[in-house]
Amino acid sequence: MAELWKSLPSWVRNIVVPILLLVLAWKIFTAILAVVAGIIGFAINVLVLVGIAAVVVILLKKAARS
């Protein structure tokens, strides 16, 4: 692997490889953000659903009492 690295022209080692690594890091970062945003969105949907269910149960109990 070291021979391959040394055989690359200096402009490839100094310009192309860092840009490729930056693009790869950016893609990984955005993928992680997308997963986190999806989990947060799912959690918000579950909380809203639980809240609506709680309101329905409370209203049904009030309607049954009166």
Protein backbone atom coordinates (compact mmCIF):
# COMPACT_ATOMS: atom_id res chain seq x y z
CA MET A 1 0.00 0.00 0.00
CA ALA A 2 2.87 2.35 0.77
CA GLU A 3 4.32 1.75 -2.69
CA LEU A 4 0.99 2.65 -4.28
CA TRP A 5 0.80 5.86 -2.24
CA LYS A 6 4.36 6.83 -3.17
CA SER A 7 3.73 6.06 -6.86
CA LEU A 8 0.89 8.60 -7.05
CA PRO A 9 1.77 12.01 -8.42
CA SER A 10 2.09 14.71 -5.78
CA TRP A 11 -0.93 16.65 -7.07
CA VAL A 12 -3.08 13.55 -6.61
CA ARG A 13 -1.80 13.04 -3.05
CA ASN A 14 -2.14 16.71 -2.11
CA ILE A 15 -5.34 17.72 -3.93
CA VAL A 16 -7.45 14.83 -5.21
CA VAL A 17 -7.23 12.50 -2.20
CA PRO A 18 -8.16 15.17 0.40
CA ILE A 19 -11.10 16.31 -1.72
CA LEU A 20 -12.32 12.72 -2.07
CA LEU A 21 -11.97 12.21 1.68
CA LEU A 22 -13.86 15.45 2.34
CA VAL A 23 -16.71 14.40 0.03
CA LEU A 24 -16.84 10.95 1.65
CA ALA A 25 -16.88 12.48 5.15
CA TRP A 26 -19.68 14.86 4.09
CA LYS A 27 -21.77 11.98 2.73
CA ILE A 28 -21.33 10.00 5.96
CA PHE A 29 -22.18 13.08 8.04
CA THR A 30 -25.38 13.78 6.09
CA ALA A 31 -26.39 10.11 6.30
CA ILE A 32 -25.97 10.20 10.09
CA LEU A 33 -27.99 13.43 10.27
CA ALA A 34 -30.74 11.86 8.17
CA VAL A 35 -30.93 8.85 10.48
CA VAL A 36 -31.07 11.09 13.57
CA ALA A 37 -33.73 13.30 11.98
CA GLY A 38 -35.76 10.21 11.09
CA ILE A 39 -35.57 8.88 14.64
CA ILE A 40 -36.57 12.27 16.09
CA GLY A 41 -39.45 12.55 13.62
CA PHE A 42 -40.65 9.07 14.52
CA ALA A 43 -40.46 9.89 18.23
CA ILE A 44 -42.50 13.08 17.71
CA ASN A 45 -45.14 11.13 15.77
CA VAL A 46 -45.37 8.55 18.57
CA LEU A 47 -45.72 11.29 21.21
CA VAL A 48 -48.49 12.99 19.22
CA LEU A 49 -50.29 9.68 18.80
CA VAL A 50 -50.03 8.92 22.53
CA GLY A 51 -51.29 12.43 23.34
CA ILE A 52 -54.30 12.05 21.06
CA ALA A 53 -55.06 8.64 22.55
CA ALA A 54 -54.88 10.11 26.07
CA VAL A 55 -57.28 12.91 25.15
CA VAL A 56 -59.72 10.40 23.65
CA VAL A 57 -59.58 8.24 26.80
CA ILE A 58 -60.15 11.27 29.04
CA LEU A 59 -63.09 12.45 26.93
CA LEU A 60 -64.63 8.98 26.90
CA LYS A 61 -64.37 8.73 30.70
CA LYS A 62 -66.00 12.16 31.09
CA ALA A 63 -68.77 11.20 28.68
CA ALA A 64 -69.39 7.93 30.51
CA ARG A 65 -69.73 9.72 33.87
CA SER A 66 -72.26 12.26 32.73
